[in-house]
Amino acid sequence: MNDLREELDRALRAVPVSAAPVERAKRDGRRIRTRRRAALLAGALAVAAVLHGPLAGVLPADLRARTTKLSATLLELAARGAVMEPVHGLLTPGWRAALSRLQHVGHSTGRAYAAGAGAVLSRAA
C-alpha cells in the first residue's frame, strides 16, 4: 500500500496547478470550467463509492447550475462508482499498470483522477 500511496502522491504533484480564469469567464459571460478540479473530485468520489457503496446525496442539488454538463455528469456517475476502468484498476494488485494508463488520459485529466483516488486511498489505508 505504501508503494501505491507514493505513486499516487507523485501523480498528484504532476497535476498542473494554475489560477482559474475567474475574471475572464465572468467578463465573457461564461461558466467557469474546472475540468481538472472535477476530475480530481470524480476520482475521489468513484473510489469512495467503490469502497463504501453509492454516495447518495453527496453532491449539491444545483450541481448542474454550478458547473458544465460534462463535469456534472462525470461527478454524478463517479458518486455511483461508475468511472473509467483505470481508476477501478487502482484497487487491484495490478494497480501500477492502471496508474500508468490513467496518467496518459488527456492532458492532465488522468493525473487529476489519480490524485483524487489517491487522496481517498491514503485515508483508507
N, C-alpha and C. Protein backbone atom coordinates (compact mmCIF):
# COMPACT_ATOMS: atom_id res chain seq x y z
N MET A 1 0.83 -1.19 0.00
CA MET A 1 0.00 0.00 0.00
C MET A 1 0.87 1.26 0.00
N ASN A 2 2.04 1.20 0.63
CA ASN A 2 2.92 2.37 0.64
C ASN A 2 3.41 2.72 -0.76
N ASP A 3 3.69 1.68 -1.58
CA ASP A 3 4.10 1.94 -2.97
C ASP A 3 3.00 2.67 -3.71
N LEU A 4 1.76 2.22 -3.53
CA LEU A 4 0.63 2.86 -4.20
C LEU A 4 0.50 4.30 -3.73
N ARG A 5 0.61 4.52 -2.45
CA ARG A 5 0.50 5.89 -1.91
C ARG A 5 1.58 6.79 -2.51
N GLU A 6 2.81 6.29 -2.58
CA GLU A 6 3.91 7.08 -3.15
C GLU A 6 3.66 7.39 -4.62
N GLU A 7 3.21 6.39 -5.38
CA GLU A 7 2.92 6.61 -6.80
C GLU A 7 1.79 7.61 -6.99
N LEU A 8 0.75 7.51 -6.18
CA LEU A 8 -0.38 8.43 -6.30
C LEU A 8 0.03 9.84 -5.84
N ASP A 9 0.87 9.94 -4.82
CA ASP A 9 1.38 11.24 -4.40
C ASP A 9 2.16 11.88 -5.55
N ARG A 10 2.96 11.08 -6.24
CA ARG A 10 3.73 11.58 -7.37
C ARG A 10 2.77 12.06 -8.48
N ALA A 11 1.70 11.32 -8.70
CA ALA A 11 0.71 11.73 -9.71
C ALA A 11 0.05 13.05 -9.31
N LEU A 12 -0.24 13.21 -8.03
CA LEU A 12 -0.85 14.45 -7.55
C LEU A 12 0.08 15.63 -7.79
N ARG A 13 1.35 15.44 -7.50
CA ARG A 13 2.31 16.52 -7.71
C ARG A 13 2.47 16.87 -9.19
N ALA A 14 2.14 15.94 -10.08
CA ALA A 14 2.28 16.16 -11.52
C ALA A 14 1.09 16.91 -12.11
N VAL A 15 -0.01 17.06 -11.35
CA VAL A 15 -1.17 17.79 -11.86
C VAL A 15 -0.84 19.27 -11.91
N PRO A 16 -0.88 19.87 -13.10
CA PRO A 16 -0.57 21.29 -13.20
C PRO A 16 -1.58 22.13 -12.43
N VAL A 17 -1.07 23.06 -11.68
CA VAL A 17 -1.94 23.95 -10.89
C VAL A 17 -1.80 25.35 -11.46
N SER A 18 -2.92 25.96 -11.73
CA SER A 18 -2.91 27.33 -12.22
C SER A 18 -4.17 28.02 -11.73
N ALA A 19 -4.12 29.31 -11.76
CA ALA A 19 -5.27 30.08 -11.31
C ALA A 19 -6.45 29.87 -12.26
N ALA A 20 -7.62 29.75 -11.69
CA ALA A 20 -8.83 29.64 -12.52
C ALA A 20 -9.07 30.99 -13.18
N PRO A 21 -9.47 31.00 -14.43
CA PRO A 21 -9.69 32.26 -15.14
C PRO A 21 -11.03 32.89 -14.78
N VAL A 22 -11.21 33.18 -13.50
CA VAL A 22 -12.50 33.64 -12.99
C VAL A 22 -12.93 34.95 -13.62
N GLU A 23 -12.07 35.93 -13.58
CA GLU A 23 -12.45 37.25 -14.08
C GLU A 23 -12.78 37.21 -15.57
N ARG A 24 -11.97 36.51 -16.37
CA ARG A 24 -12.23 36.43 -17.81
C ARG A 24 -13.56 35.72 -18.08
N ALA A 25 -13.82 34.65 -17.34
CA ALA A 25 -15.07 33.92 -17.54
C ALA A 25 -16.27 34.79 -17.18
N LYS A 26 -16.15 35.54 -16.08
CA LYS A 26 -17.25 36.44 -15.69
C LYS A 26 -17.45 37.52 -16.76
N ARG A 27 -16.35 38.10 -17.21
CA ARG A 27 -16.41 39.17 -18.21
C ARG A 27 -17.05 38.68 -19.50
N ASP A 28 -16.72 37.45 -19.91
CA ASP A 28 -17.25 36.90 -21.16
C ASP A 28 -18.62 36.26 -20.98
N GLY A 29 -19.14 36.25 -19.76
CA GLY A 29 -20.46 35.70 -19.50
C GLY A 29 -20.52 34.18 -19.57
N ARG A 30 -19.40 33.50 -19.36
CA ARG A 30 -19.36 32.05 -19.44
C ARG A 30 -19.26 31.46 -18.03
N ARG A 31 -19.55 30.17 -17.97
CA ARG A 31 -19.32 29.45 -16.72
C ARG A 31 -17.83 29.22 -16.56
N ILE A 32 -17.42 29.13 -15.35
CA ILE A 32 -16.02 28.81 -15.08
C ILE A 32 -15.84 27.32 -15.25
N ARG A 33 -14.91 26.92 -16.07
CA ARG A 33 -14.67 25.50 -16.33
C ARG A 33 -13.57 25.01 -15.40
N THR A 34 -13.87 23.96 -14.75
CA THR A 34 -12.93 23.43 -13.77
C THR A 34 -12.74 21.94 -14.02
N ARG A 35 -12.31 21.60 -15.23
CA ARG A 35 -12.19 20.18 -15.58
C ARG A 35 -11.25 19.42 -14.66
N ARG A 36 -10.09 20.02 -14.38
CA ARG A 36 -9.14 19.32 -13.51
C ARG A 36 -9.71 19.11 -12.12
N ARG A 37 -10.37 20.13 -11.61
CA ARG A 37 -10.96 20.00 -10.27
C ARG A 37 -12.08 18.97 -10.28
N ALA A 38 -12.89 18.97 -11.33
CA ALA A 38 -13.96 17.98 -11.43
C ALA A 38 -13.38 16.57 -11.54
N ALA A 39 -12.30 16.42 -12.30
CA ALA A 39 -11.66 15.10 -12.45
C ALA A 39 -11.07 14.64 -11.12
N LEU A 40 -10.45 15.54 -10.39
CA LEU A 40 -9.88 15.19 -9.09
C LEU A 40 -10.99 14.74 -8.14
N LEU A 41 -12.06 15.49 -8.09
CA LEU A 41 -13.19 15.14 -7.24
C LEU A 41 -13.85 13.84 -7.71
N ALA A 42 -13.98 13.65 -9.01
CA ALA A 42 -14.58 12.42 -9.54
C ALA A 42 -13.75 11.21 -9.17
N GLY A 43 -12.43 11.32 -9.21
CA GLY A 43 -11.57 10.22 -8.80
C GLY A 43 -11.79 9.86 -7.34
N ALA A 44 -11.90 10.88 -6.50
CA ALA A 44 -12.14 10.64 -5.07
C ALA A 44 -13.52 10.03 -4.84
N LEU A 45 -14.54 10.59 -5.49
CA LEU A 45 -15.90 10.08 -5.33
C LEU A 45 -16.02 8.63 -5.80
N ALA A 46 -15.41 8.34 -6.94
CA ALA A 46 -15.53 7.00 -7.51
C ALA A 46 -14.91 5.96 -6.60
N VAL A 47 -13.72 6.23 -6.09
CA VAL A 47 -13.06 5.25 -5.21
C VAL A 47 -13.85 5.10 -3.91
N ALA A 48 -14.32 6.21 -3.37
CA ALA A 48 -15.13 6.13 -2.14
C ALA A 48 -16.40 5.33 -2.39
N ALA A 49 -17.02 5.52 -3.56
CA ALA A 49 -18.25 4.78 -3.89
C ALA A 49 -17.97 3.30 -4.09
N VAL A 50 -16.83 2.97 -4.70
CA VAL A 50 -16.48 1.57 -4.88
C VAL A 50 -16.21 0.92 -3.52
N LEU A 51 -15.54 1.63 -2.64
CA LEU A 51 -15.20 1.08 -1.32
C LEU A 51 -16.40 1.02 -0.37
N HIS A 52 -17.30 2.00 -0.46
CA HIS A 52 -18.36 2.13 0.54
C HIS A 52 -19.78 2.05 -0.03
N GLY A 53 -19.93 1.93 -1.33
CA GLY A 53 -21.25 1.92 -1.94
C GLY A 53 -21.62 3.29 -2.46
N PRO A 54 -22.68 3.39 -3.25
CA PRO A 54 -23.09 4.66 -3.84
C PRO A 54 -23.22 5.76 -2.79
N LEU A 55 -22.81 6.95 -3.17
CA LEU A 55 -22.79 8.09 -2.26
C LEU A 55 -23.98 9.01 -2.52
N ALA A 56 -25.16 8.52 -2.20
CA ALA A 56 -26.40 9.29 -2.43
C ALA A 56 -26.38 10.57 -1.61
N GLY A 57 -26.77 11.66 -2.25
CA GLY A 57 -26.92 12.93 -1.55
C GLY A 57 -25.62 13.68 -1.30
N VAL A 58 -24.49 13.19 -1.81
CA VAL A 58 -23.22 13.86 -1.53
C VAL A 58 -23.00 15.08 -2.42
N LEU A 59 -23.63 15.11 -3.58
CA LEU A 59 -23.48 16.23 -4.50
C LEU A 59 -24.60 17.24 -4.28
N PRO A 60 -24.32 18.53 -4.48
CA PRO A 60 -25.36 19.54 -4.28
C PRO A 60 -26.49 19.39 -5.31
N ALA A 61 -27.69 19.73 -4.90
CA ALA A 61 -28.85 19.62 -5.78
C ALA A 61 -28.72 20.51 -7.02
N ASP A 62 -28.01 21.61 -6.88
CA ASP A 62 -27.86 22.55 -8.01
C ASP A 62 -26.54 22.34 -8.76
N LEU A 63 -26.01 21.13 -8.71
CA LEU A 63 -24.72 20.83 -9.35
C LEU A 63 -24.69 21.28 -10.81
N ARG A 64 -25.73 21.01 -11.56
CA ARG A 64 -25.74 21.32 -12.99
C ARG A 64 -25.75 22.83 -13.25
N ALA A 65 -26.18 23.61 -12.28
CA ALA A 65 -26.11 25.06 -12.42
C ALA A 65 -24.73 25.60 -12.04
N ARG A 66 -23.97 24.81 -11.30
CA ARG A 66 -22.67 25.25 -10.80
C ARG A 66 -21.50 24.93 -11.73
N THR A 67 -21.68 23.96 -12.62
CA THR A 67 -20.57 23.53 -13.47
C THR A 67 -21.10 23.14 -14.84
N THR A 68 -20.22 22.70 -15.70
CA THR A 68 -20.63 22.32 -17.05
C THR A 68 -21.40 21.00 -17.01
N LYS A 69 -22.13 20.74 -18.08
CA LYS A 69 -22.89 19.49 -18.16
C LYS A 69 -21.96 18.27 -18.10
N LEU A 70 -20.83 18.36 -18.77
CA LEU A 70 -19.87 17.25 -18.76
C LEU A 70 -19.35 16.99 -17.36
N SER A 71 -18.91 18.03 -16.67
CA SER A 71 -18.39 17.86 -15.31
C SER A 71 -19.46 17.32 -14.38
N ALA A 72 -20.67 17.84 -14.49
CA ALA A 72 -21.76 17.38 -13.64
C ALA A 72 -22.04 15.89 -13.88
N THR A 73 -22.04 15.49 -15.14
CA THR A 73 -22.29 14.07 -15.47
C THR A 73 -21.19 13.19 -14.90
N LEU A 74 -19.93 13.59 -15.07
CA LEU A 74 -18.81 12.80 -14.54
C LEU A 74 -18.91 12.66 -13.02
N LEU A 75 -19.27 13.73 -12.34
CA LEU A 75 -19.39 13.69 -10.88
C LEU A 75 -20.56 12.81 -10.44
N GLU A 76 -21.69 12.92 -11.15
CA GLU A 76 -22.85 12.09 -10.81
C GLU A 76 -22.54 10.60 -11.00
N LEU A 77 -21.87 10.28 -12.09
CA LEU A 77 -21.51 8.88 -12.33
C LEU A 77 -20.50 8.40 -11.29
N ALA A 78 -19.52 9.22 -10.98
CA ALA A 78 -18.49 8.85 -10.01
C ALA A 78 -19.09 8.58 -8.63
N ALA A 79 -20.09 9.36 -8.24
CA ALA A 79 -20.73 9.16 -6.93
C ALA A 79 -21.44 7.81 -6.86
N ARG A 80 -21.69 7.20 -8.02
CA ARG A 80 -22.28 5.86 -8.06
C ARG A 80 -21.21 4.78 -8.29
N GLY A 81 -19.94 5.21 -8.40
CA GLY A 81 -18.86 4.26 -8.62
C GLY A 81 -18.59 3.97 -10.08
N ALA A 82 -19.26 4.68 -10.97
CA ALA A 82 -19.08 4.48 -12.41
C ALA A 82 -18.01 5.44 -12.91
N VAL A 83 -16.88 4.86 -13.29
CA VAL A 83 -15.75 5.68 -13.70
C VAL A 83 -14.90 4.87 -14.68
N MET A 84 -14.00 5.54 -15.40
CA MET A 84 -13.17 4.83 -16.37
C MET A 84 -12.37 3.70 -15.71
N GLU A 85 -12.17 2.65 -16.47
CA GLU A 85 -11.55 1.42 -15.96
C GLU A 85 -10.24 1.64 -15.21
N PRO A 86 -9.31 2.46 -15.68
CA PRO A 86 -8.06 2.56 -14.94
C PRO A 86 -8.23 2.99 -13.48
N VAL A 87 -9.28 3.75 -13.18
CA VAL A 87 -9.50 4.16 -11.78
C VAL A 87 -9.84 2.93 -10.95
N HIS A 88 -10.73 2.08 -11.45
CA HIS A 88 -11.05 0.83 -10.74
C HIS A 88 -9.80 -0.04 -10.61
N GLY A 89 -8.95 0.00 -11.62
CA GLY A 89 -7.72 -0.79 -11.60
C GLY A 89 -6.78 -0.42 -10.48
N LEU A 90 -6.92 0.80 -9.94
CA LEU A 90 -6.08 1.21 -8.81
C LEU A 90 -6.35 0.38 -7.56
N LEU A 91 -7.50 -0.30 -7.54
CA LEU A 91 -7.89 -1.09 -6.38
C LEU A 91 -7.53 -2.57 -6.54
N THR A 92 -6.74 -2.89 -7.56
CA THR A 92 -6.38 -4.28 -7.83
C THR A 92 -4.88 -4.47 -7.65
N PRO A 93 -4.43 -5.74 -7.60
CA PRO A 93 -2.99 -5.97 -7.50
C PRO A 93 -2.21 -5.41 -8.69
N GLY A 94 -2.84 -5.20 -9.82
CA GLY A 94 -2.17 -4.63 -10.99
C GLY A 94 -2.27 -3.11 -11.05
N TRP A 95 -2.30 -2.47 -9.90
CA TRP A 95 -2.53 -1.02 -9.84
C TRP A 95 -1.47 -0.20 -10.56
N ARG A 96 -0.24 -0.69 -10.65
CA ARG A 96 0.81 0.10 -11.34
C ARG A 96 0.47 0.29 -12.82
N ALA A 97 0.01 -0.77 -13.46
CA ALA A 97 -0.37 -0.67 -14.87
C ALA A 97 -1.57 0.26 -15.03
N ALA A 98 -2.52 0.16 -14.11
CA ALA A 98 -3.70 1.03 -14.16
C ALA A 98 -3.29 2.49 -13.99
N LEU A 99 -2.37 2.75 -13.06
CA LEU A 99 -1.91 4.12 -12.83
C LEU A 99 -1.20 4.65 -14.07
N SER A 100 -0.40 3.82 -14.69
CA SER A 100 0.29 4.23 -15.91
C SER A 100 -0.71 4.60 -17.01
N ARG A 101 -1.72 3.76 -17.20
CA ARG A 101 -2.76 4.05 -18.21
C ARG A 101 -3.51 5.33 -17.86
N LEU A 102 -3.82 5.48 -16.60
CA LEU A 102 -4.59 6.64 -16.14
C LEU A 102 -3.80 7.93 -16.35
N GLN A 103 -2.51 7.89 -16.11
CA GLN A 103 -1.70 9.10 -16.25
C GLN A 103 -1.59 9.57 -17.70
N HIS A 104 -1.96 8.72 -18.64
CA HIS A 104 -1.89 9.09 -20.05
C HIS A 104 -3.26 9.47 -20.63
N VAL A 105 -4.26 9.61 -19.78
CA VAL A 105 -5.60 10.03 -20.22
C VAL A 105 -5.63 11.56 -20.26
N GLY A 106 -5.86 12.09 -21.44
CA GLY A 106 -5.96 13.54 -21.58
C GLY A 106 -4.67 14.26 -21.26
N HIS A 107 -4.74 15.57 -21.21
CA HIS A 107 -3.56 16.38 -20.90
C HIS A 107 -3.22 16.28 -19.41
N SER A 108 -4.22 16.44 -18.57
CA SER A 108 -4.00 16.32 -17.12
C SER A 108 -5.15 15.61 -16.41
N THR A 109 -6.17 15.21 -17.17
CA THR A 109 -7.35 14.59 -16.58
C THR A 109 -7.02 13.31 -15.82
N GLY A 110 -6.26 12.43 -16.43
CA GLY A 110 -5.92 11.16 -15.79
C GLY A 110 -5.14 11.35 -14.51
N ARG A 111 -4.20 12.30 -14.53
CA ARG A 111 -3.42 12.57 -13.31
C ARG A 111 -4.32 13.15 -12.22
N ALA A 112 -5.29 13.95 -12.61
CA ALA A 112 -6.22 14.51 -11.62
C ALA A 112 -7.09 13.40 -11.03
N TYR A 113 -7.58 12.48 -11.87
CA TYR A 113 -8.34 11.33 -11.36
C TYR A 113 -7.48 10.53 -10.38
N ALA A 114 -6.21 10.29 -10.74
CA ALA A 114 -5.31 9.53 -9.88
C ALA A 114 -5.09 10.24 -8.55
N ALA A 115 -4.97 11.55 -8.60
CA ALA A 115 -4.77 12.32 -7.37
C ALA A 115 -5.98 12.22 -6.45
N GLY A 116 -7.17 12.33 -7.02
CA GLY A 116 -8.39 12.20 -6.21
C GLY A 116 -8.53 10.82 -5.62
N ALA A 117 -8.25 9.80 -6.43
CA ALA A 117 -8.31 8.43 -5.94
C ALA A 117 -7.29 8.23 -4.83
N GLY A 118 -6.10 8.77 -5.04
CA GLY A 118 -5.03 8.63 -4.03
C GLY A 118 -5.39 9.29 -2.71
N ALA A 119 -6.08 10.41 -2.78
CA ALA A 119 -6.47 11.09 -1.55
C ALA A 119 -7.39 10.20 -0.70
N VAL A 120 -8.32 9.52 -1.36
CA VAL A 120 -9.22 8.62 -0.63
C VAL A 120 -8.48 7.38 -0.15
N LEU A 121 -7.67 6.80 -1.03
CA LEU A 121 -6.96 5.58 -0.67
C LEU A 121 -5.96 5.80 0.46
N SER A 122 -5.35 6.97 0.50
CA SER A 122 -4.39 7.23 1.57
C SER A 122 -5.07 7.34 2.93
N ARG A 123 -6.34 7.71 2.93
CA ARG A 123 -7.09 7.78 4.19
C ARG A 123 -7.66 6.41 4.57
N ALA A 124 -7.85 5.55 3.54
CA ALA A 124 -8.43 4.24 3.78
C ALA A 124 -7.39 3.24 4.30
N ALA A 125 -6.12 3.55 4.06
CA ALA A 125 -5.05 2.61 4.45
C ALA A 125 -4.77 2.66 5.94
